[in-house]
Amino acid sequence: MIFDSLAFDNKLSKIKKIFYDKEFLYFSPWLNPNKYHPNNIFHSYSEFIIKDKKNKFRTEKNLINKAKFFFKINKLCYSIKDFKKKDYLFVSHFINPAHLNVDYYFKNIFFKDIEHNSLILLRNHTSIKENKIKKLFQDSKVPRIIMPRGVFFKTAIIFLMKLIISYFHVLINILQLQDNSQKQILRKFIKIGNISQSIINYHYYYTLQKIIKMHNPKKIFFTYEGHTWERFIIKAAKDSKNDITCIAYQFSVILKNQNMLSAKFGYKYDPDLICVPGKFGSNYFIERSLRTINIGHFIGSKNDFNFKKKKINKNCLVMPEGIISECKIMFEFILEVRKKFQDINFIIRFHDQFDFKYFKKKYKEYDNIDEIIISQNNIQDDLKKCSFCLYRGTTGIFQAINNGLVPIYYDFMSDLNIDPFYLTTNKIKYVKTSNDLGNFIYSHANHKFFLDQFKSNKRLSNEYFNEFNHQNIDTIKYNDLYK
């Protein structure tokens, strides 16, 4: 498979110019890809840029489920009936029922001393209905609102009108274009599966405006990974209240070609400040003339790991991203390795937001597999049992490194590198085949190699994730950031 990101960027930029004056289309996540990732490419662009049309990882989206969006509940579900004004609004995510009362992303970074004056808006990534989630947070000190997954009737009409206008606009431009590949991209653009996310983004916009009007926050904090919905949160805030401060928290890794993180769209779409977890993120944004402040991350916090007590074995922890296609890629690969190297033990640990029950239902061949351990343990238990860690694009690899595991990147598709350490690939082992992985584990399960790797990789980890800087955190919370 061959992917030319530069050539495709050029095609997209020409197409985006067509829609520059039409906000609804210009900010489509399909025209503004967050990052070039196999999951995104296979779903959206494979026909045009990957020279392999028999891609077995590509799946079609269910259009019926997209249509159901207009009929889902649109009520704002509050965990506590507190409609007072709040100075701080946090936009976060509900990804797992296990994370109750402590926010998975912001945790206790910002909430100290401001619980009474804060509100959390949660995007629901689970299959649990909003009214049931509401009941889970009864003991929470910080009031929570569950983002409705349906739209208000008035805004639904607006969405549908914009959608109809969009279709006509695209069809007219298809007739005028001379470039056949651009015509193909535009034909794909008008599929419901691609344009539906733009509709959801507008739903977020109107929902945020309603919440801001009710609670009048001074500062909005939100997770920041380069998605277009994040820009609509900023726009909703700026359109509602000129003096509001929009603070992004870039909490995760920065992958190669993750261009939307640093893209500039103007005052109404760009964050006023970007919080970063370490020196790497700080340098990344400063080089692009964006205002940042380093607040650190829990991964950068000191732990009680003692390398002298680390047991060296042939156990390999597998950490896929919380994406079904990535889990399938990793599962197939380690099953292949296991057939050839039966004394290598694999423990696969899925991301907290990943629904493994759904995965098994979709891929029944993985339902009863004895060769692979599917972990339900605390992550520290898995880290203690294993010596190696197979990964691709997950932040979890840093936790593995900090606990003495040797990182191994599965180079499934070299043209789409999603290794968080992509700038230091010479220091990380890349494997392409089952023999590559098996032979590497066999030949490197010794204490000296592990000690050298630990020292080197720990230095890398410290660049990406620093300890919490509570002085900077307090500055963000209590100070006027415009002064």
Protein backbone atom coordinates (compact mmCIF):
# COMPACT_ATOMS: atom_id res chain seq x y z
CA MET A 1 0.00 0.00 0.00
CA ILE A 2 1.33 3.45 -0.88
CA PHE A 3 0.04 6.69 0.59
CA ASP A 4 1.23 10.12 -0.51
CA SER A 5 0.01 12.58 2.15
CA LEU A 6 1.54 15.59 0.37
CA ALA A 7 -0.25 14.84 -2.91
CA PHE A 8 -3.54 14.25 -1.15
CA ASP A 9 -3.15 17.38 0.99
CA ASN A 10 -2.83 19.31 -2.26
CA LYS A 11 -6.07 17.81 -3.62
CA LEU A 12 -7.95 18.55 -0.40
CA SER A 13 -6.69 22.14 -0.19
CA LYS A 14 -7.97 22.84 -3.72
CA ILE A 15 -11.35 21.34 -2.87
CA LYS A 16 -11.59 23.26 0.41
CA LYS A 17 -11.20 26.55 -1.47
CA ILE A 18 -14.49 25.79 -3.19
CA PHE A 19 -16.26 25.77 0.18
CA TYR A 20 -14.34 28.55 1.90
CA ASP A 21 -17.42 30.79 2.11
CA LYS A 22 -19.64 27.91 3.30
CA GLU A 23 -18.79 27.22 6.90
CA PHE A 24 -20.97 24.13 7.11
CA LEU A 25 -18.93 22.42 4.40
CA TYR A 26 -15.54 24.00 4.94
CA PHE A 27 -15.33 22.64 8.48
CA SER A 28 -16.32 19.14 7.53
CA PRO A 29 -14.04 16.70 9.39
CA TRP A 30 -13.86 14.77 6.15
CA LEU A 31 -12.20 17.74 4.41
CA ASN A 32 -10.12 18.51 7.50
CA PRO A 33 -8.74 15.12 8.56
CA ASN A 34 -7.40 15.21 12.10
CA LYS A 35 -4.51 12.93 11.19
CA TYR A 36 -3.59 10.45 8.50
CA HIS A 37 -4.34 7.24 10.35
CA PRO A 38 -5.12 3.84 8.76
CA ASN A 39 -8.58 3.86 10.32
CA ASN A 40 -9.41 7.26 8.79
CA ILE A 41 -7.83 6.49 5.45
CA PHE A 42 -9.54 3.14 4.98
CA HIS A 43 -12.95 4.61 5.77
CA SER A 44 -12.70 7.74 3.68
CA TYR A 45 -9.94 7.93 1.10
CA SER A 46 -8.70 4.47 0.14
CA GLU A 47 -10.14 4.56 -3.39
CA PHE A 48 -8.08 7.62 -4.25
CA ILE A 49 -4.76 7.33 -2.50
CA ILE A 50 -4.01 3.72 -1.57
CA LYS A 51 -2.94 1.41 -4.37
CA ASP A 52 -4.78 -1.57 -2.94
CA LYS A 53 -8.53 -1.62 -3.50
CA LYS A 54 -8.94 -4.99 -1.77
CA ASN A 55 -8.42 -3.46 1.65
CA LYS A 56 -9.85 -5.97 4.13
CA PHE A 57 -9.94 -3.48 7.02
CA ARG A 58 -12.30 -1.05 5.38
CA THR A 59 -15.92 -1.17 6.60
CA GLU A 60 -19.05 0.59 5.35
CA LYS A 61 -20.93 2.88 7.69
CA ASN A 62 -24.51 2.13 8.60
CA LEU A 63 -26.63 4.90 7.09
CA ILE A 64 -29.69 3.86 9.09
CA ASN A 65 -27.82 4.56 12.32
CA LYS A 66 -26.85 7.96 10.96
CA ALA A 67 -30.48 8.78 10.26
CA LYS A 68 -31.45 7.76 13.83
CA PHE A 69 -29.46 10.77 15.04
CA PHE A 70 -32.47 12.98 14.35
CA PHE A 71 -34.75 10.86 16.56
CA LYS A 72 -32.56 10.36 19.64
CA ILE A 73 -33.13 12.11 22.96
CA ASN A 74 -32.20 15.81 22.90
CA LYS A 75 -32.69 16.68 26.55
CA LEU A 76 -29.76 17.92 28.64
CA CYS A 77 -29.40 15.36 31.45
CA TYR A 78 -27.98 16.94 34.62
CA SER A 79 -26.49 14.75 37.35
CA ILE A 80 -27.39 17.48 39.89
CA LYS A 81 -30.09 20.08 39.36
CA ASP A 82 -27.79 23.06 39.74
CA PHE A 83 -28.57 25.85 37.27
CA LYS A 84 -26.42 28.52 38.92
CA LYS A 85 -23.76 30.45 37.09
CA LYS A 86 -20.43 28.63 36.89
CA ASP A 87 -17.05 30.14 36.15
CA TYR A 88 -15.57 26.91 34.75
CA LEU A 89 -17.01 24.60 32.11
CA PHE A 90 -15.13 21.40 31.22
CA VAL A 91 -15.95 19.49 28.03
CA SER A 92 -14.89 15.89 28.60
CA HIS A 93 -15.91 12.32 27.73
CA PHE A 94 -17.83 9.45 29.25
CA ILE A 95 -16.03 6.35 27.97
CA ASN A 96 -16.46 3.76 30.70
CA PRO A 97 -18.90 3.26 33.61
CA ALA A 98 -15.91 2.36 35.78
CA HIS A 99 -14.81 6.02 35.79
CA LEU A 100 -17.36 7.51 38.15
CA ASN A 101 -16.92 10.77 40.05
CA VAL A 102 -13.32 11.23 38.87
CA ASP A 103 -13.07 12.63 35.37
CA TYR A 104 -10.96 10.37 33.12
CA TYR A 105 -9.23 13.23 31.29
CA PHE A 106 -9.05 16.17 33.67
CA LYS A 107 -9.04 14.00 36.82
CA ASN A 108 -8.09 16.20 39.77
CA ILE A 109 -5.81 18.51 37.80
CA PHE A 110 -8.13 21.50 37.79
CA PHE A 111 -10.91 20.64 40.22
CA LYS A 112 -9.09 21.36 43.47
CA ASP A 113 -10.75 24.38 45.16
CA ILE A 114 -13.17 25.03 42.28
CA GLU A 115 -15.56 22.06 42.50
CA HIS A 116 -18.40 24.31 43.67
CA ASN A 117 -17.85 26.61 40.70
CA SER A 118 -17.41 24.01 37.91
CA LEU A 119 -19.54 22.09 35.49
CA ILE A 120 -18.61 19.11 33.27
CA LEU A 121 -20.21 18.44 29.88
CA LEU A 122 -19.66 14.82 28.81
CA ARG A 123 -19.72 13.41 25.31
CA ASN A 124 -21.16 9.91 25.59
CA HIS A 125 -19.03 7.28 23.81
CA THR A 126 -20.83 4.30 25.30
CA SER A 127 -24.02 2.45 24.38
CA ILE A 128 -25.59 3.46 27.72
CA LYS A 129 -28.53 5.84 27.43
CA GLU A 130 -28.17 9.36 28.78
CA ASN A 131 -30.85 9.10 31.46
CA LYS A 132 -29.15 5.99 32.89
CA ILE A 133 -25.73 7.66 32.90
CA LYS A 134 -27.25 10.54 34.83
CA LYS A 135 -28.05 8.20 37.73
CA LEU A 136 -24.46 6.97 37.91
CA PHE A 137 -23.19 10.41 38.95
CA GLN A 138 -25.43 11.03 41.93
CA ASP A 139 -22.48 11.27 44.35
CA SER A 140 -20.37 13.56 42.19
CA LYS A 141 -19.41 16.91 43.71
CA VAL A 142 -19.09 18.53 40.28
CA PRO A 143 -22.41 18.71 38.37
CA ARG A 144 -22.32 16.83 35.08
CA ILE A 145 -24.35 17.26 31.91
CA ILE A 146 -24.57 14.41 29.43
CA MET A 147 -24.33 15.73 25.88
CA PRO A 148 -27.54 14.65 24.11
CA ARG A 149 -27.01 12.44 21.08
CA GLY A 150 -30.04 13.86 19.36
CA VAL A 151 -30.87 17.37 18.20
CA PHE A 152 -33.49 19.91 19.17
CA PHE A 153 -36.31 20.11 16.63
CA LYS A 154 -35.54 23.68 15.60
CA THR A 155 -31.86 22.94 14.99
CA ALA A 156 -32.74 19.69 13.20
CA ILE A 157 -34.64 21.74 10.62
CA ILE A 158 -31.64 24.06 10.24
CA PHE A 159 -29.31 21.08 9.76
CA LEU A 160 -31.53 19.54 7.10
CA MET A 161 -31.81 22.83 5.20
CA LYS A 162 -28.06 23.27 5.26
CA LEU A 163 -27.62 19.67 4.11
CA ILE A 164 -29.89 20.17 1.08
CA ILE A 165 -28.09 23.38 0.14
CA SER A 166 -24.76 21.59 0.57
CA TYR A 167 -25.73 18.86 -1.86
CA PHE A 168 -26.67 21.34 -4.57
CA HIS A 169 -23.46 23.27 -3.99
CA VAL A 170 -21.32 20.15 -4.34
CA LEU A 171 -23.17 18.88 -7.41
CA ILE A 172 -22.67 22.19 -9.19
CA ASN A 173 -18.93 22.11 -8.47
CA ILE A 174 -18.62 18.50 -9.63
CA LEU A 175 -19.83 19.62 -13.06
CA GLN A 176 -17.36 22.51 -13.17
CA LEU A 177 -14.22 20.60 -12.11
CA GLN A 178 -11.80 19.30 -14.73
CA ASP A 179 -9.73 17.03 -12.43
CA ASN A 180 -11.32 13.56 -12.38
CA SER A 181 -9.79 12.55 -9.04
CA GLN A 182 -11.19 15.70 -7.41
CA LYS A 183 -14.57 14.87 -8.91
CA GLN A 184 -14.38 11.43 -7.33
CA ILE A 185 -13.57 12.92 -3.94
CA LEU A 186 -16.51 15.32 -4.19
CA ARG A 187 -18.89 12.50 -5.16
CA LYS A 188 -17.80 10.65 -2.06
CA PHE A 189 -18.11 13.82 -0.01
CA ILE A 190 -21.89 14.02 -0.51
CA LYS A 191 -22.48 10.57 0.96
CA ILE A 192 -24.51 10.75 4.17
CA GLY A 193 -21.87 8.77 6.05
CA ASN A 194 -19.29 11.51 5.45
CA ILE A 195 -21.42 14.60 5.95
CA SER A 196 -23.21 13.36 9.08
CA GLN A 197 -20.32 14.30 11.37
CA SER A 198 -20.66 17.90 10.23
CA ILE A 199 -24.28 17.78 11.35
CA ILE A 200 -23.20 16.45 14.75
CA ASN A 201 -20.66 19.27 15.02
CA TYR A 202 -23.41 21.80 14.49
CA HIS A 203 -25.42 20.02 17.15
CA TYR A 204 -22.51 20.54 19.56
CA TYR A 205 -22.42 24.20 18.59
CA TYR A 206 -26.06 24.83 19.45
CA THR A 207 -25.89 22.72 22.64
CA LEU A 208 -22.85 24.65 23.88
CA GLN A 209 -24.54 27.95 23.19
CA LYS A 210 -27.52 26.89 25.30
CA ILE A 211 -25.28 25.81 28.22
CA ILE A 212 -23.21 29.00 28.06
CA LYS A 213 -26.36 31.11 28.10
CA MET A 214 -27.61 29.24 31.20
CA HIS A 215 -24.37 29.16 33.22
CA ASN A 216 -22.31 32.09 31.88
CA PRO A 217 -18.83 30.50 32.36
CA LYS A 218 -15.68 32.60 32.22
CA LYS A 219 -13.42 29.78 31.04
CA ILE A 220 -14.03 26.65 28.96
CA PHE A 221 -11.61 23.71 29.11
CA PHE A 222 -11.77 20.93 26.53
CA THR A 223 -9.69 17.98 25.36
CA TYR A 224 -7.72 18.78 22.23
CA GLU A 225 -6.70 16.21 19.64
CA GLY A 226 -7.34 18.12 16.40
CA HIS A 227 -11.00 17.22 15.77
CA THR A 228 -13.29 19.70 14.05
CA TRP A 229 -15.90 19.40 16.82
CA GLU A 230 -13.37 21.06 19.12
CA ARG A 231 -13.34 24.11 16.85
CA PHE A 232 -17.15 24.30 17.01
CA ILE A 233 -16.95 24.43 20.81
CA ILE A 234 -14.66 27.46 20.52
CA LYS A 235 -16.98 29.11 18.00
CA ALA A 236 -20.02 28.50 20.20
CA ALA A 237 -18.18 30.14 23.10
CA LYS A 238 -16.97 33.16 21.10
CA ASP A 239 -20.36 33.70 19.44
CA SER A 240 -22.05 33.62 22.84
CA LYS A 241 -19.63 35.66 24.92
CA ASN A 242 -16.71 37.74 23.63
CA ASP A 243 -14.70 37.73 26.87
CA ILE A 244 -14.79 33.96 27.43
CA THR A 245 -11.42 32.14 27.49
CA CYS A 246 -11.13 28.85 25.57
CA ILE A 247 -8.41 26.58 26.94
CA ALA A 248 -7.45 23.40 25.09
CA TYR A 249 -5.81 20.45 26.83
CA GLN A 250 -3.59 18.49 24.43
CA PHE A 251 -3.33 15.52 26.77
CA SER A 252 -2.23 12.77 24.39
CA VAL A 253 0.57 12.02 21.97
CA ILE A 254 1.20 14.01 18.79
CA LEU A 255 1.45 11.75 15.77
CA LYS A 256 3.08 12.38 12.43
CA ASN A 257 0.88 14.40 10.02
CA GLN A 258 -1.50 15.43 12.82
CA ASN A 259 -1.93 18.76 11.06
CA MET A 260 -5.24 19.94 12.53
CA LEU A 261 -3.71 20.42 15.98
CA SER A 262 -1.75 23.44 14.80
CA ALA A 263 -3.99 24.64 11.95
CA LYS A 264 -5.06 28.27 12.35
CA PHE A 265 -8.60 29.30 11.40
CA GLY A 266 -8.88 32.63 13.22
CA TYR A 267 -10.07 34.02 16.56
CA LYS A 268 -13.46 32.29 16.57
CA TYR A 269 -12.01 28.83 15.96
CA ASP A 270 -8.57 28.79 17.61
CA PRO A 271 -7.98 28.12 21.33
CA ASP A 272 -6.72 31.07 23.39
CA LEU A 273 -4.27 28.78 25.16
CA ILE A 274 -3.11 25.18 24.71
CA CYS A 275 -2.15 23.19 27.80
CA VAL A 276 0.47 20.55 27.03
CA PRO A 277 1.69 17.52 29.01
CA GLY A 278 5.41 17.99 28.41
CA LYS A 279 8.36 19.67 26.70
CA PHE A 280 7.75 17.95 23.37
CA GLY A 281 4.22 19.37 23.03
CA SER A 282 5.37 22.78 24.20
CA ASN A 283 8.10 22.95 21.53
CA TYR A 284 5.71 21.61 18.88
CA PHE A 285 3.20 24.44 19.35
CA ILE A 286 5.73 27.20 20.04
CA GLU A 287 7.46 26.40 16.71
CA ARG A 288 4.06 27.01 15.10
CA SER A 289 3.56 30.32 16.96
CA LEU A 290 0.79 29.03 19.23
CA ARG A 291 0.48 30.02 22.88
CA THR A 292 1.08 27.13 25.28
CA ILE A 293 1.60 26.34 28.94
CA ASN A 294 3.11 23.10 30.26
CA ILE A 295 0.93 21.60 33.00
CA GLY A 296 2.31 18.04 32.91
CA HIS A 297 0.49 14.70 32.99
CA PHE A 298 -0.05 11.79 35.37
CA ILE A 299 2.20 9.62 33.15
CA GLY A 300 5.05 12.00 33.99
CA SER A 301 4.50 11.65 37.73
CA LYS A 302 7.11 9.73 39.68
CA ASN A 303 6.17 6.14 40.47
CA ASP A 304 7.68 3.57 42.78
CA PHE A 305 9.05 1.38 39.97
CA ASN A 306 12.37 -0.25 40.81
CA PHE A 307 14.15 -1.69 37.76
CA LYS A 308 16.28 -4.01 39.93
CA LYS A 309 13.12 -5.94 40.81
CA LYS A 310 11.99 -6.25 37.17
CA LYS A 311 11.70 -9.86 36.04
CA ILE A 312 12.86 -10.49 32.47
CA ASN A 313 10.71 -12.97 30.56
CA LYS A 314 9.08 -13.58 27.17
CA ASN A 315 5.70 -12.10 28.15
CA CYS A 316 4.52 -9.39 25.76
CA LEU A 317 1.83 -6.86 26.63
CA VAL A 318 -0.22 -5.78 23.58
CA MET A 319 -1.78 -2.31 23.72
CA PRO A 320 -3.97 -1.40 20.74
CA GLU A 321 -5.71 1.95 20.35
CA GLY A 322 -9.40 2.19 21.18
CA ILE A 323 -10.32 1.68 17.52
CA ILE A 324 -11.90 -1.54 16.29
CA SER A 325 -9.79 -1.76 13.12
CA GLU A 326 -6.58 -1.35 15.15
CA CYS A 327 -7.67 -4.04 17.62
CA LYS A 328 -8.33 -6.41 14.73
CA ILE A 329 -4.91 -5.68 13.20
CA MET A 330 -3.14 -6.40 16.48
CA PHE A 331 -5.21 -9.49 17.29
CA GLU A 332 -4.50 -11.09 13.90
CA PHE A 333 -0.80 -10.32 14.16
CA ILE A 334 -0.21 -11.81 17.62
CA LEU A 335 -2.21 -14.93 16.70
CA GLU A 336 0.14 -15.37 13.76
CA VAL A 337 3.19 -14.91 16.01
CA ARG A 338 1.79 -17.32 18.61
CA LYS A 339 1.53 -20.13 16.03
CA LYS A 340 5.29 -19.92 15.36
CA PHE A 341 6.56 -18.96 18.83
CA GLN A 342 4.41 -20.78 21.34
CA ASP A 343 6.51 -19.95 24.39
CA ILE A 344 5.89 -16.21 23.92
CA ASN A 345 2.90 -15.25 26.05
CA PHE A 346 0.68 -12.41 24.91
CA ILE A 347 -1.56 -10.34 27.18
CA ILE A 348 -3.76 -7.98 25.19
CA ARG A 349 -5.09 -4.96 27.02
CA PHE A 350 -7.84 -2.96 25.33
CA HIS A 351 -8.33 0.78 25.77
CA ASP A 352 -10.81 1.83 28.44
CA GLN A 353 -13.17 3.29 25.87
CA PHE A 354 -13.17 0.15 23.73
CA ASP A 355 -16.18 -2.16 23.92
CA PHE A 356 -14.71 -5.67 23.71
CA LYS A 357 -18.17 -7.26 23.84
CA TYR A 358 -18.99 -5.47 20.60
CA PHE A 359 -15.65 -6.58 19.14
CA LYS A 360 -16.36 -10.24 19.92
CA LYS A 361 -19.87 -9.93 18.54
CA LYS A 362 -18.54 -8.45 15.29
CA TYR A 363 -15.62 -10.89 15.03
CA LYS A 364 -16.89 -14.14 16.52
CA GLU A 365 -13.70 -15.97 15.61
CA TYR A 366 -12.02 -14.19 18.54
CA ASP A 367 -14.67 -15.20 21.09
CA ASN A 368 -12.93 -18.28 22.51
CA ILE A 369 -9.18 -17.97 22.08
CA ASP A 370 -7.04 -19.77 24.63
CA GLU A 371 -3.67 -18.74 23.21
CA ILE A 372 -4.11 -15.06 24.10
CA ILE A 373 -4.90 -13.62 27.54
CA ILE A 374 -7.45 -10.81 27.38
CA SER A 375 -6.70 -8.73 30.44
CA GLN A 376 -9.31 -7.44 32.87
CA ASN A 377 -6.68 -6.57 35.47
CA ASN A 378 -5.36 -3.31 36.81
CA ILE A 379 -2.78 -1.96 34.36
CA GLN A 380 -0.02 -2.11 36.98
CA ASP A 381 -0.55 -5.87 37.31
CA ASP A 382 -0.09 -6.33 33.55
CA LEU A 383 3.01 -4.13 33.51
CA LYS A 384 4.60 -6.23 36.25
CA LYS A 385 3.96 -9.50 34.42
CA CYS A 386 5.42 -8.44 31.06
CA SER A 387 8.84 -7.52 29.69
CA PHE A 388 7.94 -6.40 26.17
CA CYS A 389 5.13 -4.18 24.86
CA LEU A 390 3.73 -4.29 21.32
CA TYR A 391 2.02 -1.04 20.34
CA ARG A 392 1.10 1.30 17.49
CA GLY A 393 -0.44 4.68 18.29
CA THR A 394 -1.38 4.47 21.95
CA THR A 395 -0.34 6.80 24.76
CA GLY A 396 -0.19 3.73 27.00
CA ILE A 397 3.26 2.90 25.62
CA PHE A 398 4.70 5.62 27.87
CA GLN A 399 3.33 3.89 30.97
CA ALA A 400 4.91 0.67 29.72
CA ILE A 401 8.29 2.36 29.21
CA ASN A 402 8.17 3.92 32.68
CA ASN A 403 7.70 0.43 34.12
CA GLY A 404 10.70 -1.13 32.37
CA LEU A 405 9.01 -2.72 29.33
CA VAL A 406 10.79 -2.67 25.97
CA PRO A 407 8.61 -1.00 23.28
CA ILE A 408 8.08 -2.73 19.92
CA TYR A 409 6.19 -0.91 17.17
CA TYR A 410 4.18 -3.00 14.72
CA ASP A 411 4.94 -1.35 11.38
CA PHE A 412 1.76 -2.52 9.72
CA MET A 413 1.87 0.22 7.11
CA SER A 414 5.06 2.27 6.83
CA ASP A 415 3.48 5.01 4.75
CA LEU A 416 1.06 5.77 7.59
CA ASN A 417 3.33 5.96 10.61
CA ILE A 418 1.35 6.39 13.85
CA ASP A 419 4.26 5.79 16.24
CA PRO A 420 4.31 8.46 19.01
CA PHE A 421 8.12 8.19 18.81
CA TYR A 422 8.20 8.79 15.05
CA LEU A 423 10.99 11.38 15.41
CA THR A 424 13.21 8.85 17.21
CA THR A 425 12.45 5.68 15.25
CA ASN A 426 16.11 4.67 15.33
CA LYS A 427 15.72 4.05 19.08
CA ILE A 428 12.54 1.95 18.86
CA LYS A 429 12.35 -1.57 17.43
CA TYR A 430 10.05 -1.79 14.38
CA VAL A 431 8.68 -5.16 13.31
CA LYS A 432 6.77 -6.07 10.15
CA THR A 433 6.45 -9.85 10.32
CA SER A 434 5.80 -12.51 12.92
CA ASN A 435 9.41 -13.67 12.57
CA ASP A 436 10.66 -10.14 13.25
CA LEU A 437 8.81 -10.03 16.56
CA GLY A 438 9.49 -13.59 17.66
CA ASN A 439 13.20 -13.47 16.89
CA PHE A 440 13.61 -10.08 18.59
CA ILE A 441 12.01 -11.30 21.82
CA TYR A 442 14.03 -14.51 21.75
CA SER A 443 17.35 -12.76 21.30
CA HIS A 444 16.87 -9.79 23.66
CA ALA A 445 15.39 -11.28 26.84
CA ASN A 446 18.45 -10.40 28.95
CA HIS A 447 18.98 -7.99 31.84
CA LYS A 448 21.75 -5.82 30.32
CA PHE A 449 19.73 -5.06 27.19
CA PHE A 450 16.69 -4.16 29.28
CA LEU A 451 18.64 -1.82 31.55
CA ASP A 452 20.12 0.07 28.59
CA GLN A 453 16.69 0.30 26.96
CA PHE A 454 15.05 1.50 30.17
CA LYS A 455 17.52 4.35 30.65
CA SER A 456 17.23 5.46 27.00
CA ASN A 457 13.45 5.14 26.72
CA LYS A 458 12.82 6.78 30.10
CA ARG A 459 14.61 9.89 28.82
CA LEU A 460 12.33 9.88 25.78
CA SER A 461 9.24 9.49 27.95
CA ASN A 462 10.32 12.41 30.13
CA GLU A 463 10.39 14.66 27.07
CA TYR A 464 6.78 13.87 26.19
CA PHE A 465 5.22 13.78 29.67
CA ASN A 466 6.40 15.89 32.62
CA GLU A 467 5.28 15.94 36.23
CA PHE A 468 2.24 18.05 37.06
CA ASN A 469 3.15 21.73 37.35
CA HIS A 470 0.67 22.93 39.96
CA GLN A 471 1.88 26.53 39.73
CA ASN A 472 0.99 26.63 36.04
CA ILE A 473 -2.33 24.90 36.74
CA ASP A 474 -3.23 27.54 39.33
CA THR A 475 -2.22 30.29 36.90
CA ILE A 476 -4.69 28.92 34.34
CA LYS A 477 -7.49 28.57 36.89
CA TYR A 478 -7.27 31.85 38.75
CA ASN A 479 -5.52 34.42 36.54
CA ASP A 480 -6.79 36.56 33.70
CA LEU A 481 -4.87 34.99 30.82
CA TYR A 482 -5.23 38.06 28.60
CA LYS A 483 -3.13 40.25 30.89
